Amino acid sequence: MVELPDHYCKQHYSYEAEYLANRQKWARSRGKSYQHRYNTVTRNRNSNKSEQYNFYRSKQWVNLRQLVLNRDYYLCQYCKAINKITSAKTVDHVVPIEYDTDLRADTGNLATICSKCHRLKTDWERWYYGT
């Protein structure tokens, strides 16, 4: 078993330094050009994506997010629906804004969600909505 924050067990701990060195090397090799390419090709690949990205960086979103986190007491609403208590810090659109942009600032369309549920929901949205 691995004890956090390590990445390897005691038997294979000798690989830890190599792993961290490779990780740092990869991060250094992805400089400004990598980030620029990511922003232009992935985040801002069209006007809709660019508008969504800018919305998530706006003061309006910061305020909405905090309002929803406080409303939901920082608990995942999807886990809560199955009587499980899980803390969460992510606020998610129930209906994706790619599907209906009118709901992007509607607090009724926002819910606090944990990372596990968010990953599952995102996969489902890609299948169902094609987002």
N, C-alpha and C. Protein backbone atom coordinates (compact mmCIF):
# COMPACT_ATOMS: atom_id res chain seq x y z
N MET A 1 0.84 -1.19 0.00
CA MET A 1 0.00 0.00 0.00
C MET A 1 0.89 1.25 0.00
N VAL A 2 0.38 2.28 -0.61
CA VAL A 2 1.10 3.55 -0.69
C VAL A 2 0.54 4.49 0.37
N GLU A 3 1.43 5.14 1.09
CA GLU A 3 1.01 6.14 2.07
C GLU A 3 1.20 7.51 1.44
N LEU A 4 0.10 8.26 1.36
CA LEU A 4 0.17 9.60 0.77
C LEU A 4 1.07 10.48 1.60
N PRO A 5 1.81 11.37 1.04
CA PRO A 5 1.78 11.88 -0.33
C PRO A 5 2.73 11.13 -1.27
N ASP A 6 3.29 9.98 -0.86
CA ASP A 6 4.20 9.23 -1.72
C ASP A 6 3.44 8.62 -2.89
N HIS A 7 4.16 8.28 -3.95
CA HIS A 7 3.58 7.68 -5.13
C HIS A 7 3.91 6.19 -5.25
N TYR A 8 4.82 5.71 -4.40
CA TYR A 8 5.25 4.32 -4.45
C TYR A 8 5.26 3.72 -3.04
N CYS A 9 5.08 2.41 -2.96
CA CYS A 9 5.14 1.71 -1.68
C CYS A 9 6.59 1.64 -1.19
N LYS A 10 6.77 1.13 0.02
CA LYS A 10 8.12 1.04 0.59
C LYS A 10 9.04 0.14 -0.23
N GLN A 11 8.48 -0.90 -0.81
CA GLN A 11 9.27 -1.82 -1.61
C GLN A 11 9.82 -1.15 -2.87
N HIS A 12 9.04 -0.25 -3.46
CA HIS A 12 9.44 0.39 -4.72
C HIS A 12 9.73 1.88 -4.55
N TYR A 13 10.02 2.30 -3.32
CA TYR A 13 10.23 3.72 -3.04
C TYR A 13 11.42 4.29 -3.79
N SER A 14 12.34 3.46 -4.20
CA SER A 14 13.52 3.95 -4.93
C SER A 14 13.12 4.62 -6.25
N TYR A 15 11.94 4.32 -6.77
CA TYR A 15 11.48 4.92 -8.03
C TYR A 15 10.86 6.31 -7.83
N GLU A 16 10.62 6.68 -6.58
CA GLU A 16 9.95 7.96 -6.28
C GLU A 16 10.72 9.16 -6.84
N ALA A 17 12.02 9.23 -6.60
CA ALA A 17 12.83 10.36 -7.07
C ALA A 17 12.80 10.45 -8.58
N GLU A 18 12.88 9.31 -9.25
CA GLU A 18 12.84 9.29 -10.71
C GLU A 18 11.48 9.78 -11.22
N TYR A 19 10.42 9.33 -10.56
CA TYR A 19 9.08 9.76 -10.95
C TYR A 19 8.92 11.27 -10.82
N LEU A 20 9.34 11.82 -9.68
CA LEU A 20 9.22 13.26 -9.46
C LEU A 20 10.09 14.05 -10.44
N ALA A 21 11.27 13.54 -10.74
CA ALA A 21 12.16 14.23 -11.70
C ALA A 21 11.52 14.24 -13.09
N ASN A 22 10.95 13.12 -13.50
CA ASN A 22 10.29 13.06 -14.81
C ASN A 22 9.08 13.99 -14.87
N ARG A 23 8.36 14.06 -13.77
CA ARG A 23 7.19 14.95 -13.71
C ARG A 23 7.61 16.42 -13.84
N GLN A 24 8.67 16.79 -13.13
CA GLN A 24 9.16 18.17 -13.22
C GLN A 24 9.71 18.47 -14.61
N LYS A 25 10.41 17.50 -15.20
CA LYS A 25 10.95 17.68 -16.55
C LYS A 25 9.81 17.90 -17.54
N TRP A 26 8.74 17.11 -17.42
CA TRP A 26 7.59 17.26 -18.30
C TRP A 26 6.96 18.65 -18.13
N ALA A 27 6.80 19.09 -16.88
CA ALA A 27 6.19 20.40 -16.61
C ALA A 27 7.03 21.53 -17.18
N ARG A 28 8.37 21.41 -17.07
CA ARG A 28 9.25 22.45 -17.61
C ARG A 28 9.21 22.48 -19.13
N SER A 29 9.05 21.31 -19.75
CA SER A 29 9.03 21.26 -21.21
C SER A 29 7.75 21.86 -21.78
N ARG A 30 6.70 21.95 -20.97
CA ARG A 30 5.43 22.53 -21.40
C ARG A 30 5.37 23.98 -20.94
N GLY A 31 6.05 24.82 -21.64
CA GLY A 31 6.14 26.23 -21.26
C GLY A 31 4.98 27.04 -21.80
N LYS A 32 5.29 28.29 -22.09
CA LYS A 32 4.27 29.22 -22.56
C LYS A 32 3.67 28.80 -23.89
N SER A 33 4.47 28.20 -24.76
CA SER A 33 3.95 27.80 -26.06
C SER A 33 2.90 26.70 -25.90
N TYR A 34 3.13 25.76 -24.97
CA TYR A 34 2.15 24.71 -24.71
C TYR A 34 0.86 25.32 -24.18
N GLN A 35 0.97 26.23 -23.22
CA GLN A 35 -0.21 26.87 -22.64
C GLN A 35 -0.94 27.71 -23.69
N HIS A 36 -0.18 28.41 -24.51
CA HIS A 36 -0.79 29.21 -25.57
C HIS A 36 -1.56 28.32 -26.53
N ARG A 37 -0.96 27.20 -26.92
CA ARG A 37 -1.63 26.27 -27.84
C ARG A 37 -2.89 25.71 -27.19
N TYR A 38 -2.81 25.34 -25.92
CA TYR A 38 -3.98 24.81 -25.22
C TYR A 38 -5.10 25.84 -25.20
N ASN A 39 -4.76 27.08 -24.89
CA ASN A 39 -5.79 28.13 -24.82
C ASN A 39 -6.41 28.40 -26.18
N THR A 40 -5.62 28.43 -27.23
CA THR A 40 -6.16 28.77 -28.54
C THR A 40 -6.85 27.60 -29.22
N VAL A 41 -6.33 26.38 -29.02
CA VAL A 41 -6.90 25.23 -29.72
C VAL A 41 -8.03 24.58 -28.92
N THR A 42 -7.87 24.46 -27.63
CA THR A 42 -8.87 23.74 -26.83
C THR A 42 -9.89 24.68 -26.20
N ARG A 43 -9.43 25.61 -25.40
CA ARG A 43 -10.38 26.48 -24.69
C ARG A 43 -11.13 27.41 -25.62
N ASN A 44 -10.43 28.01 -26.54
CA ASN A 44 -11.04 29.03 -27.40
C ASN A 44 -11.17 28.54 -28.84
N ARG A 45 -11.56 27.27 -29.02
CA ARG A 45 -11.60 26.71 -30.36
C ARG A 45 -12.71 27.30 -31.22
N ASN A 46 -13.72 27.89 -30.60
CA ASN A 46 -14.74 28.62 -31.35
C ASN A 46 -15.31 29.70 -30.44
N SER A 47 -16.21 30.52 -30.97
CA SER A 47 -16.72 31.65 -30.19
C SER A 47 -17.54 31.19 -28.99
N ASN A 48 -18.26 30.08 -29.12
CA ASN A 48 -19.05 29.57 -27.99
C ASN A 48 -18.16 29.15 -26.83
N LYS A 49 -17.11 28.40 -27.12
CA LYS A 49 -16.18 27.96 -26.09
C LYS A 49 -15.46 29.14 -25.44
N SER A 50 -15.11 30.10 -26.25
CA SER A 50 -14.45 31.29 -25.73
C SER A 50 -15.37 32.06 -24.79
N GLU A 51 -16.63 32.16 -25.17
CA GLU A 51 -17.62 32.85 -24.34
C GLU A 51 -17.82 32.10 -23.01
N GLN A 52 -17.88 30.77 -23.07
CA GLN A 52 -18.03 29.98 -21.85
C GLN A 52 -16.82 30.16 -20.93
N TYR A 53 -15.64 30.11 -21.50
CA TYR A 53 -14.42 30.28 -20.72
C TYR A 53 -14.41 31.65 -20.03
N ASN A 54 -14.80 32.68 -20.76
CA ASN A 54 -14.84 34.02 -20.17
C ASN A 54 -15.90 34.12 -19.08
N PHE A 55 -17.02 33.41 -19.25
CA PHE A 55 -18.06 33.42 -18.21
C PHE A 55 -17.52 32.84 -16.92
N TYR A 56 -16.79 31.73 -16.99
CA TYR A 56 -16.25 31.10 -15.79
C TYR A 56 -15.16 31.92 -15.12
N ARG A 57 -14.67 32.93 -15.80
CA ARG A 57 -13.67 33.83 -15.21
C ARG A 57 -14.30 35.14 -14.75
N SER A 58 -15.61 35.27 -14.85
CA SER A 58 -16.28 36.53 -14.53
C SER A 58 -16.64 36.63 -13.05
N LYS A 59 -16.88 37.84 -12.61
CA LYS A 59 -17.30 38.12 -11.24
C LYS A 59 -18.68 37.49 -10.98
N GLN A 60 -19.52 37.51 -12.00
CA GLN A 60 -20.85 36.92 -11.87
C GLN A 60 -20.75 35.44 -11.49
N TRP A 61 -19.86 34.69 -12.16
CA TRP A 61 -19.70 33.27 -11.86
C TRP A 61 -19.14 33.07 -10.46
N VAL A 62 -18.18 33.88 -10.06
CA VAL A 62 -17.59 33.76 -8.72
C VAL A 62 -18.68 33.91 -7.67
N ASN A 63 -19.54 34.90 -7.85
CA ASN A 63 -20.62 35.13 -6.89
C ASN A 63 -21.66 34.00 -6.92
N LEU A 64 -22.04 33.56 -8.12
CA LEU A 64 -23.00 32.44 -8.23
C LEU A 64 -22.44 31.18 -7.59
N ARG A 65 -21.18 30.89 -7.86
CA ARG A 65 -20.55 29.70 -7.32
C ARG A 65 -20.57 29.71 -5.80
N GLN A 66 -20.19 30.83 -5.22
CA GLN A 66 -20.16 30.93 -3.76
C GLN A 66 -21.56 30.81 -3.18
N LEU A 67 -22.54 31.40 -3.84
CA LEU A 67 -23.93 31.32 -3.40
C LEU A 67 -24.40 29.85 -3.37
N VAL A 68 -24.08 29.10 -4.42
CA VAL A 68 -24.50 27.70 -4.50
C VAL A 68 -23.75 26.84 -3.48
N LEU A 69 -22.46 27.07 -3.31
CA LEU A 69 -21.70 26.32 -2.31
C LEU A 69 -22.28 26.54 -0.92
N ASN A 70 -22.61 27.77 -0.58
CA ASN A 70 -23.21 28.07 0.72
C ASN A 70 -24.60 27.44 0.84
N ARG A 71 -25.38 27.52 -0.22
CA ARG A 71 -26.73 26.95 -0.22
C ARG A 71 -26.69 25.44 0.02
N ASP A 72 -25.73 24.77 -0.61
CA ASP A 72 -25.62 23.31 -0.52
C ASP A 72 -24.71 22.84 0.61
N TYR A 73 -24.20 23.77 1.42
CA TYR A 73 -23.33 23.46 2.55
C TYR A 73 -22.10 22.66 2.15
N TYR A 74 -21.58 22.92 0.94
CA TYR A 74 -20.37 22.25 0.44
C TYR A 74 -20.53 20.73 0.40
N LEU A 75 -21.75 20.25 0.18
CA LEU A 75 -22.01 18.81 0.09
C LEU A 75 -22.46 18.45 -1.32
N CYS A 76 -21.97 17.33 -1.82
CA CYS A 76 -22.34 16.86 -3.15
C CYS A 76 -23.82 16.52 -3.18
N GLN A 77 -24.55 17.15 -4.05
CA GLN A 77 -26.00 16.95 -4.13
C GLN A 77 -26.36 15.62 -4.79
N TYR A 78 -25.49 15.10 -5.63
CA TYR A 78 -25.74 13.81 -6.27
C TYR A 78 -25.54 12.67 -5.29
N CYS A 79 -24.51 12.75 -4.46
CA CYS A 79 -24.31 11.75 -3.41
C CYS A 79 -25.42 11.85 -2.37
N LYS A 80 -25.81 13.06 -2.06
CA LYS A 80 -26.87 13.29 -1.07
C LYS A 80 -28.18 12.63 -1.51
N ALA A 81 -28.42 12.59 -2.82
CA ALA A 81 -29.64 11.98 -3.35
C ALA A 81 -29.69 10.48 -3.08
N ILE A 82 -28.53 9.85 -2.89
CA ILE A 82 -28.49 8.42 -2.57
C ILE A 82 -28.08 8.20 -1.11
N ASN A 83 -28.36 9.21 -0.26
CA ASN A 83 -28.11 9.15 1.18
C ASN A 83 -26.65 8.92 1.54
N LYS A 84 -25.77 9.59 0.80
CA LYS A 84 -24.34 9.52 1.08
C LYS A 84 -23.86 10.95 1.28
N ILE A 85 -23.06 11.18 2.30
CA ILE A 85 -22.54 12.52 2.59
C ILE A 85 -21.11 12.62 2.05
N THR A 86 -20.90 13.54 1.11
CA THR A 86 -19.58 13.75 0.51
C THR A 86 -19.34 15.25 0.39
N SER A 87 -18.18 15.69 0.86
CA SER A 87 -17.86 17.11 0.72
C SER A 87 -17.46 17.40 -0.73
N ALA A 88 -17.71 18.63 -1.14
CA ALA A 88 -17.42 19.00 -2.52
C ALA A 88 -17.14 20.49 -2.62
N LYS A 89 -16.37 20.86 -3.64
CA LYS A 89 -16.04 22.27 -3.88
C LYS A 89 -16.36 22.71 -5.30
N THR A 90 -16.86 21.80 -6.12
CA THR A 90 -17.15 22.11 -7.51
C THR A 90 -18.62 22.43 -7.68
N VAL A 91 -18.91 23.46 -8.46
CA VAL A 91 -20.29 23.80 -8.79
C VAL A 91 -20.48 23.46 -10.26
N ASP A 92 -21.54 22.71 -10.54
CA ASP A 92 -21.78 22.18 -11.87
C ASP A 92 -23.14 22.62 -12.39
N HIS A 93 -23.22 22.80 -13.70
CA HIS A 93 -24.51 23.06 -14.34
C HIS A 93 -25.22 21.73 -14.54
N VAL A 94 -26.43 21.61 -14.05
CA VAL A 94 -27.20 20.38 -14.21
C VAL A 94 -27.44 20.13 -15.70
N VAL A 95 -27.96 21.14 -16.38
CA VAL A 95 -28.07 21.10 -17.84
C VAL A 95 -26.89 21.90 -18.36
N PRO A 96 -26.00 21.29 -19.15
CA PRO A 96 -24.78 21.98 -19.60
C PRO A 96 -25.08 23.28 -20.34
N ILE A 97 -24.21 24.27 -20.16
CA ILE A 97 -24.43 25.55 -20.85
C ILE A 97 -24.18 25.43 -22.34
N GLU A 98 -23.47 24.38 -22.77
CA GLU A 98 -23.32 24.15 -24.21
C GLU A 98 -24.67 23.78 -24.84
N TYR A 99 -25.54 23.18 -24.03
CA TYR A 99 -26.85 22.76 -24.51
C TYR A 99 -27.88 23.88 -24.40
N ASP A 100 -27.85 24.64 -23.30
CA ASP A 100 -28.80 25.73 -23.09
C ASP A 100 -28.10 26.90 -22.38
N THR A 101 -27.66 27.88 -23.15
CA THR A 101 -26.91 29.01 -22.58
C THR A 101 -27.78 29.89 -21.70
N ASP A 102 -29.10 29.85 -21.86
CA ASP A 102 -29.99 30.68 -21.04
C ASP A 102 -29.96 30.27 -19.57
N LEU A 103 -29.55 29.04 -19.28
CA LEU A 103 -29.54 28.53 -17.91
C LEU A 103 -28.20 28.72 -17.20
N ARG A 104 -27.27 29.41 -17.83
CA ARG A 104 -25.93 29.48 -17.23
C ARG A 104 -25.88 30.27 -15.93
N ALA A 105 -26.77 31.23 -15.72
CA ALA A 105 -26.76 32.01 -14.48
C ALA A 105 -27.96 31.69 -13.60
N ASP A 106 -28.66 30.60 -13.88
CA ASP A 106 -29.83 30.19 -13.11
C ASP A 106 -29.38 29.31 -11.95
N THR A 107 -29.58 29.75 -10.72
CA THR A 107 -29.14 28.97 -9.56
C THR A 107 -29.90 27.65 -9.45
N GLY A 108 -31.07 27.57 -10.04
CA GLY A 108 -31.81 26.31 -10.06
C GLY A 108 -31.15 25.26 -10.95
N ASN A 109 -30.27 25.70 -11.82
CA ASN A 109 -29.55 24.80 -12.72
C ASN A 109 -28.14 24.50 -12.21
N LEU A 110 -27.82 24.95 -11.02
CA LEU A 110 -26.49 24.76 -10.45
C LEU A 110 -26.56 23.86 -9.23
N ALA A 111 -25.56 22.99 -9.09
CA ALA A 111 -25.50 22.09 -7.94
C ALA A 111 -24.04 21.86 -7.57
N THR A 112 -23.81 21.68 -6.28
CA THR A 112 -22.48 21.32 -5.80
C THR A 112 -22.28 19.83 -6.08
N ILE A 113 -21.07 19.49 -6.55
CA ILE A 113 -20.81 18.11 -6.98
C ILE A 113 -19.38 17.71 -6.62
N CYS A 114 -19.20 16.47 -6.19
CA CYS A 114 -17.86 15.97 -5.86
C CYS A 114 -17.15 15.56 -7.15
N SER A 115 -15.86 15.33 -7.07
CA SER A 115 -15.08 15.03 -8.28
C SER A 115 -15.50 13.71 -8.92
N LYS A 116 -15.82 12.70 -8.12
CA LYS A 116 -16.22 11.41 -8.67
C LYS A 116 -17.54 11.53 -9.45
N CYS A 117 -18.52 12.18 -8.84
CA CYS A 117 -19.81 12.37 -9.52
C CYS A 117 -19.65 13.26 -10.74
N HIS A 118 -18.79 14.27 -10.65
CA HIS A 118 -18.58 15.18 -11.77
C HIS A 118 -17.99 14.44 -12.97
N ARG A 119 -17.05 13.56 -12.71
CA ARG A 119 -16.44 12.78 -13.78
C ARG A 119 -17.49 11.89 -14.45
N LEU A 120 -18.31 11.22 -13.65
CA LEU A 120 -19.35 10.35 -14.19
C LEU A 120 -20.39 11.16 -14.97
N LYS A 121 -20.78 12.31 -14.41
CA LYS A 121 -21.79 13.14 -15.06
C LYS A 121 -21.26 13.72 -16.37
N THR A 122 -20.01 14.10 -16.40
CA THR A 122 -19.41 14.63 -17.62
C THR A 122 -19.39 13.57 -18.71
N ASP A 123 -19.04 12.35 -18.35
CA ASP A 123 -19.06 11.27 -19.33
C ASP A 123 -20.47 11.04 -19.87
N TRP A 124 -21.45 11.07 -18.97
CA TRP A 124 -22.84 10.89 -19.38
C TRP A 124 -23.28 12.03 -20.30
N GLU A 125 -22.90 13.27 -19.95
CA GLU A 125 -23.27 14.43 -20.78
C GLU A 125 -22.68 14.32 -22.18
N ARG A 126 -21.46 13.86 -22.28
CA ARG A 126 -20.84 13.69 -23.59
C ARG A 126 -21.62 12.69 -24.44
N TRP A 127 -22.12 11.63 -23.78
CA TRP A 127 -22.90 10.63 -24.49
C TRP A 127 -24.30 11.17 -24.82
N TYR A 128 -24.97 11.78 -23.84
CA TYR A 128 -26.37 12.19 -24.00
C TYR A 128 -26.53 13.46 -24.82
N TYR A 129 -25.78 14.51 -24.46
CA TYR A 129 -25.90 15.81 -25.12
C TYR A 129 -24.92 15.97 -26.29
N GLY A 130 -23.89 15.18 -26.30
CA GLY A 130 -22.87 15.33 -27.33
C GLY A 130 -21.97 16.53 -27.09
N THR A 131 -21.79 16.91 -25.82
CA THR A 131 -20.98 18.08 -25.49
C THR A 131 -19.52 17.69 -25.37
